């Protein structure tokens, strides 16, 4: 695989507690603890790099031990790290609880990520000029993401927005800058409520008929949507007149079989792998990239952790 992906997003130092079941409010459970690298931006950059793309990460860091870890790991993964440093702020952190079935709940403290500035993004324009795909999420300042997607459009890159987490602020202008959007069902439901004033049950989104779900996507924003539905696979909806090499305007891709132990970072694995596939083969049917990303994400759930659980391309079976 070839091509270049530039990821604009967060680095977090993850603190992970694993127990038999997630604690109820007011409850205490015994478990195990580990710490490691994460953050949606870093996770997606590692996924893109291990999937075969030349990869850069534009992020913000503090001046602390976590920042040193980020730099060392990026170098080891062959990722070009472009970091705005905020000495008065800590690097981002995340508290993650994982149960025996691999389900998780997460709290993120953005730290320096929340201070990534549009001015710094603009100054990094040369990094955008060499990118085939620019992939962004919403764990950094939204103004910086908007600037990044505008730059990507100016330099001719394909823009991919993973609108996560679900409670992150979004605007019509931000959505309009994305050629491709990759929400999960919770994030898609939040976008519908915020921008279209429609309520859908995220847990039953996968039961909607294809034509109904396709209509919701295109009414929200004319673009290519890839809604990840966990064990129910992914739903693809293309804007009229641009099916990206696919025959059908809307379709489903089944989930790849897996034996999950930890789903933390599975959505990031999907977005990073999809970006790598699009960068390497921009003229291939879009379905091919989604199928590859589905297989990649499934394999990522079979290991504990986030960034370091991302598989390498030669480890994928089938």
Protein backbone atom coordinates (compact mmCIF):
# COMPACT_ATOMS: atom_id res chain seq x y z
CA UNK A 1 0.00 0.00 0.00
CA UNK A 2 1.19 3.55 -0.67
CA UNK A 3 -0.13 7.12 -0.56
CA UNK A 4 0.13 9.69 2.22
CA UNK A 5 -2.33 10.37 5.03
CA UNK A 6 -2.20 13.43 7.28
CA UNK A 7 -4.13 13.00 10.52
CA UNK A 8 -5.17 16.11 12.44
CA UNK A 9 -6.11 15.16 15.97
CA UNK A 10 -5.31 14.32 19.55
CA UNK A 11 -2.67 12.47 21.47
CA UNK A 12 -3.85 11.20 24.86
CA UNK A 13 -2.08 9.18 27.49
CA UNK A 14 -4.59 6.40 28.21
CA UNK A 15 -5.17 5.03 31.72
CA UNK A 16 -7.07 1.76 31.40
CA UNK A 17 -8.86 -0.21 34.09
CA UNK A 18 -10.17 -3.67 33.18
CA UNK A 19 -12.74 -5.47 35.32
CA UNK A 20 -15.39 -8.19 35.00
CA UNK A 21 -18.19 -5.66 34.43
CA UNK A 22 -18.41 -1.90 34.22
CA UNK A 23 -19.09 -0.31 37.62
CA UNK A 24 -22.57 1.03 38.28
CA UNK A 25 -22.83 4.56 39.74
CA UNK A 26 -21.60 4.46 43.34
CA UNK A 27 -20.13 0.97 42.98
CA UNK A 28 -16.53 -0.20 43.29
CA UNK A 29 -15.08 -3.16 41.42
CA UNK A 30 -11.66 -4.79 41.50
CA UNK A 31 -9.68 -4.96 38.29
CA UNK A 32 -6.32 -4.40 36.63
CA UNK A 33 -4.62 -1.21 35.44
CA UNK A 34 -2.41 -0.31 32.49
CA UNK A 35 -1.28 2.90 30.82
CA UNK A 36 -0.42 3.44 27.19
CA UNK A 37 -0.70 5.76 24.18
CA UNK A 38 -4.06 6.74 22.73
CA UNK A 39 -6.17 9.65 21.60
CA UNK A 40 -8.26 9.47 18.46
CA UNK A 41 -5.66 11.27 16.39
CA UNK A 42 -2.75 9.10 17.46
CA UNK A 43 -4.80 5.91 17.22
CA UNK A 44 -5.85 6.75 13.67
CA UNK A 45 -2.33 7.75 12.68
CA UNK A 46 -0.92 4.45 13.94
CA UNK A 47 -3.67 2.57 12.11
CA UNK A 48 -3.00 4.42 8.85
CA UNK A 49 0.75 3.86 9.17
CA UNK A 50 0.49 0.17 10.05
CA UNK A 51 -2.02 -0.28 7.22
CA UNK A 52 0.69 0.86 4.82
CA UNK A 53 0.33 4.62 4.32
CA UNK A 54 3.05 7.21 4.79
CA UNK A 55 1.55 9.11 7.71
CA UNK A 56 1.82 12.42 9.51
CA UNK A 57 0.09 13.58 12.71
CA UNK A 58 -0.65 17.23 13.39
CA UNK A 59 -1.43 17.60 17.08
CA UNK A 60 -0.82 19.61 20.27
CA UNK A 61 1.17 18.51 23.31
CA UNK A 62 2.17 19.79 26.70
CA UNK A 63 5.75 19.82 27.88
CA UNK A 64 5.60 16.72 30.04
CA UNK A 65 6.40 13.01 30.17
CA UNK A 66 3.40 12.15 28.00
CA UNK A 67 4.71 14.46 25.27
CA UNK A 68 8.04 12.66 25.35
CA UNK A 69 6.22 9.35 25.05
CA UNK A 70 4.27 10.65 22.06
CA UNK A 71 7.41 11.76 20.26
CA UNK A 72 9.20 8.48 20.90
CA UNK A 73 6.28 6.34 19.78
CA UNK A 74 5.63 8.42 16.67
CA UNK A 75 9.26 8.00 15.67
CA UNK A 76 9.11 4.25 16.26
CA UNK A 77 5.99 3.99 14.08
CA UNK A 78 7.45 6.07 11.26
CA UNK A 79 4.88 8.85 11.81
CA UNK A 80 5.92 12.43 11.11
CA UNK A 81 4.87 14.32 14.26
CA UNK A 82 3.98 18.00 13.85
CA UNK A 83 3.14 19.28 17.32
CA UNK A 84 2.17 22.67 18.73
CA UNK A 85 3.61 22.80 22.25
CA UNK A 86 1.69 24.38 25.15
CA UNK A 87 4.04 24.38 28.17
CA UNK A 88 1.33 25.59 30.59
CA UNK A 89 -1.04 22.72 29.74
CA UNK A 90 -0.76 18.97 30.25
CA UNK A 91 -0.88 16.63 27.30
CA UNK A 92 -4.28 15.00 26.84
CA UNK A 93 -5.34 12.10 29.04
CA UNK A 94 -8.13 9.52 28.98
CA UNK A 95 -9.65 7.29 31.65
CA UNK A 96 -10.93 4.04 30.12
CA UNK A 97 -12.89 1.25 31.80
CA UNK A 98 -13.20 -2.07 29.93
CA UNK A 99 -15.35 -5.06 30.91
CA UNK A 100 -14.90 -8.79 30.23
CA UNK A 101 -16.89 -8.54 26.99
CA UNK A 102 -14.60 -5.82 25.62
CA UNK A 103 -17.10 -2.97 26.06
CA UNK A 104 -15.78 0.33 27.33
CA UNK A 105 -16.64 3.72 28.78
CA UNK A 106 -14.21 6.63 28.38
CA UNK A 107 -13.63 10.08 29.86
CA UNK A 108 -11.18 12.40 28.08
CA UNK A 109 -9.40 15.46 29.50
CA UNK A 110 -8.23 17.37 26.37
CA UNK A 111 -5.42 19.41 27.94
CA UNK A 112 -3.21 20.78 25.16
CA UNK A 113 -5.43 19.18 22.51
CA UNK A 114 -8.11 21.77 23.22
CA UNK A 115 -5.63 24.56 22.47
CA UNK A 116 -4.51 23.47 19.00
CA UNK A 117 -4.69 26.77 17.12
CA UNK A 118 -5.84 27.58 13.59
CA UNK A 119 -2.71 29.69 13.19
CA UNK A 120 -0.48 26.68 13.87
CA UNK A 121 -2.51 24.60 11.42
CA UNK A 122 -2.12 27.29 8.74
CA UNK A 123 1.64 27.37 9.33
CA UNK A 124 1.74 23.63 8.65
CA UNK A 125 0.41 24.07 5.11
CA UNK A 126 3.42 22.26 3.52
CA UNK A 127 2.35 19.07 5.32
CA UNK A 128 -1.09 19.33 3.70
CA UNK A 129 0.36 19.86 0.23
CA UNK A 130 1.80 16.35 0.15
CA UNK A 131 -1.26 14.55 1.54
CA UNK A 132 -3.64 12.39 -0.49
CA UNK A 133 -6.10 12.13 2.41
CA UNK A 134 -6.56 14.39 5.43
CA UNK A 135 -8.34 12.70 8.33
CA UNK A 136 -9.63 14.65 11.34
CA UNK A 137 -11.70 14.04 14.47
CA UNK A 138 -13.02 16.30 17.22
CA UNK A 139 -10.81 15.78 20.28
CA UNK A 140 -8.91 18.96 19.35
CA UNK A 141 -10.22 22.54 19.06
CA UNK A 142 -13.03 22.64 16.45
CA UNK A 143 -11.66 25.84 14.94
CA UNK A 144 -8.41 24.02 14.20
CA UNK A 145 -10.29 21.15 12.54
CA UNK A 146 -12.22 23.61 10.38
CA UNK A 147 -8.96 25.25 9.31
CA UNK A 148 -7.42 21.86 8.57
CA UNK A 149 -10.27 20.71 6.34
CA UNK A 150 -10.27 24.04 4.49
CA UNK A 151 -6.53 23.65 3.85
CA UNK A 152 -7.03 20.09 2.71
CA UNK A 153 -9.67 21.19 0.22
CA UNK A 154 -7.34 23.93 -1.03
CA UNK A 155 -4.49 21.47 -1.59
CA UNK A 156 -6.63 18.84 -3.31
CA UNK A 157 -6.69 16.16 -0.61
CA UNK A 158 -9.69 13.97 0.08
CA UNK A 159 -11.17 15.07 3.42
CA UNK A 160 -12.39 12.52 5.96
CA UNK A 161 -14.08 13.63 9.19
CA UNK A 162 -14.67 11.22 12.04
CA UNK A 163 -17.23 13.30 14.03
CA UNK A 164 -16.28 11.90 17.40
CA UNK A 165 -16.82 12.07 20.29
CA UNK A 166 -20.60 12.39 19.99
CA UNK A 167 -20.83 15.43 22.29
CA UNK A 168 -18.16 17.43 20.43
CA UNK A 169 -19.41 20.66 18.83
CA UNK A 170 -20.06 20.60 15.09
CA UNK A 171 -21.39 23.11 12.57
CA UNK A 172 -22.92 22.90 9.10
CA UNK A 173 -19.76 24.53 7.76
CA UNK A 174 -17.60 21.81 9.30
CA UNK A 175 -19.74 18.99 7.90
CA UNK A 176 -19.76 20.62 4.46
CA UNK A 177 -15.95 20.44 4.30
CA UNK A 178 -15.94 16.64 4.66
CA UNK A 179 -15.94 14.51 1.52
CA UNK A 180 -16.44 11.45 3.74
CA UNK A 181 -17.89 11.18 7.26
CA UNK A 182 -17.33 8.13 9.49
CA UNK A 183 -19.57 8.32 12.61
CA UNK A 184 -20.65 5.37 14.70
CA UNK A 185 -24.36 4.99 15.45
CA UNK A 186 -24.22 7.16 18.59
CA UNK A 187 -22.37 9.94 16.82
CA UNK A 188 -24.73 9.83 13.84
CA UNK A 189 -27.76 10.07 16.14
CA UNK A 190 -26.19 13.08 17.86
CA UNK A 191 -25.59 14.81 14.51
CA UNK A 192 -29.19 14.21 13.48
CA UNK A 193 -30.48 15.68 16.72
CA UNK A 194 -28.17 18.70 16.54
CA UNK A 195 -28.48 19.64 12.88
CA UNK A 196 -31.70 18.06 11.58
CA UNK A 197 -33.76 18.12 14.80
CA UNK A 198 -34.62 14.45 14.32
CA UNK A 199 -34.47 11.80 17.00
CA UNK A 200 -33.36 8.24 16.29
CA UNK A 201 -32.48 5.45 18.70
CA UNK A 202 -28.77 4.77 18.23
CA UNK A 203 -29.18 1.23 19.53
CA UNK A 204 -31.71 0.35 16.82
CA UNK A 205 -30.26 2.42 13.98
CA UNK A 206 -29.09 -0.76 12.26
CA UNK A 207 -32.71 -1.94 11.94
CA UNK A 208 -33.72 0.96 9.65
CA UNK A 209 -34.33 0.10 6.01
CA UNK A 210 -31.50 1.06 3.69
CA UNK A 211 -33.55 3.67 1.82
CA UNK A 212 -34.63 5.33 5.09
CA UNK A 213 -31.09 5.47 6.46
CA UNK A 214 -29.75 6.71 3.12
CA UNK A 215 -32.33 9.52 3.14
CA UNK A 216 -31.35 10.56 6.67
CA UNK A 217 -27.67 10.71 5.70
CA UNK A 218 -28.15 12.84 2.60
CA UNK A 219 -30.68 15.14 4.24
CA UNK A 220 -28.12 15.82 6.98
CA UNK A 221 -25.22 16.47 4.58
CA UNK A 222 -24.66 15.58 0.92
CA UNK A 223 -21.44 13.56 1.18
CA UNK A 224 -20.29 9.99 1.49
CA UNK A 225 -21.28 8.57 4.87
CA UNK A 226 -19.89 5.43 6.45
CA UNK A 227 -21.81 4.67 9.64
CA UNK A 228 -20.06 2.00 11.67
CA UNK A 229 -22.59 -0.25 13.39
CA UNK A 230 -20.39 -2.50 15.52
CA UNK A 231 -21.31 -6.14 15.07
CA UNK A 232 -23.88 -5.13 12.46
CA UNK A 233 -21.20 -3.96 10.04
CA UNK A 234 -21.18 -0.61 8.25
CA UNK A 235 -23.68 1.35 6.18
CA UNK A 236 -22.47 3.39 3.20
CA UNK A 237 -24.46 6.29 1.73
CA UNK A 238 -23.17 8.27 -1.27
CA UNK A 239 -24.24 11.73 -2.37
CA UNK A 240 -26.17 11.86 -5.66
CA UNK A 241 -23.85 11.86 -8.64
CA UNK A 242 -20.74 10.71 -6.75
CA UNK A 243 -20.75 7.02 -5.87
CA UNK A 244 -16.93 6.87 -5.68
CA UNK A 245 -16.69 3.95 -8.06
CA UNK A 246 -19.51 1.98 -6.44
CA UNK A 247 -22.50 0.72 -8.39
CA UNK A 248 -25.04 1.37 -5.63
CA UNK A 249 -25.78 4.71 -3.91
CA UNK A 250 -26.27 2.95 -0.55
CA UNK A 251 -25.39 -0.48 0.78
CA UNK A 252 -24.18 -2.44 3.81
CA UNK A 253 -20.84 -4.11 4.41
CA UNK A 254 -21.00 -6.96 6.95
CA UNK A 255 -18.81 -6.98 10.04
CA UNK A 256 -15.72 -9.12 9.73
CA UNK A 257 -15.67 -12.05 12.20
CA UNK A 258 -13.64 -11.42 15.34
CA UNK A 259 -13.16 -12.61 18.90
CA UNK A 260 -13.08 -9.23 20.68
CA UNK A 261 -11.37 -8.67 24.00
CA UNK A 262 -11.26 -4.85 23.91
CA UNK A 263 -13.20 -2.58 21.53
CA UNK A 264 -11.31 0.57 22.59
CA UNK A 265 -10.09 2.27 19.43
CA UNK A 266 -12.01 0.07 16.99
CA UNK A 267 -13.63 3.09 15.35
CA UNK A 268 -10.22 4.74 15.08
CA UNK A 269 -8.82 1.59 13.50
CA UNK A 270 -11.62 1.72 10.92
CA UNK A 271 -11.12 5.40 10.04
CA UNK A 272 -7.33 5.12 9.87
CA UNK A 273 -7.41 2.00 7.70
CA UNK A 274 -10.05 3.51 5.41
CA UNK A 275 -7.90 6.63 4.96
CA UNK A 276 -4.88 4.46 4.12
CA UNK A 277 -6.88 2.47 1.56
CA UNK A 278 -8.22 5.63 -0.09
CA UNK A 279 -4.76 7.20 -0.24
CA UNK A 280 -3.26 4.11 -1.84
CA UNK A 281 -6.04 3.35 -4.32
CA UNK A 282 -8.11 6.49 -4.97
CA UNK A 283 -9.67 5.04 -8.13
CA UNK A 284 -10.72 1.70 -6.61
CA UNK A 285 -14.39 1.11 -5.75
CA UNK A 286 -15.12 2.70 -2.38
CA UNK A 287 -16.56 -0.62 -1.17
CA UNK A 288 -13.06 -2.12 -1.35
CA UNK A 289 -11.73 0.42 1.13
CA UNK A 290 -14.67 -0.08 3.50
CA UNK A 291 -14.22 -3.86 3.38
CA UNK A 292 -10.51 -3.50 4.17
CA UNK A 293 -11.25 -1.09 7.03
CA UNK A 294 -13.87 -3.47 8.45
CA UNK A 295 -11.39 -6.35 8.46
CA UNK A 296 -8.69 -4.14 9.97
CA UNK A 297 -10.96 -2.85 12.75
CA UNK A 298 -12.15 -6.35 13.62
CA UNK A 299 -8.59 -7.54 14.10
CA UNK A 300 -7.82 -4.52 16.34
CA UNK A 301 -10.46 -5.66 18.85
CA UNK A 302 -8.66 -8.96 19.44
CA UNK A 303 -5.94 -7.23 21.48
CA UNK A 304 -6.02 -5.08 24.58
CA UNK A 305 -5.23 -1.38 24.24
CA UNK A 306 -5.76 1.35 21.68
CA UNK A 307 -2.91 2.63 19.50
CA UNK A 308 -0.62 -0.32 20.13
CA UNK A 309 -3.44 -2.79 19.41
CA UNK A 310 -3.54 -1.70 15.78
CA UNK A 311 -2.55 -4.62 13.54
CA UNK A 312 0.11 -4.44 10.88
CA UNK A 313 -1.03 -5.03 7.34
CA UNK A 314 0.80 -8.35 7.03
CA UNK A 315 -1.06 -9.66 10.10
CA UNK A 316 -4.47 -9.46 8.44
CA UNK A 317 -5.92 -12.79 7.41
CA UNK A 318 -8.05 -13.29 4.32
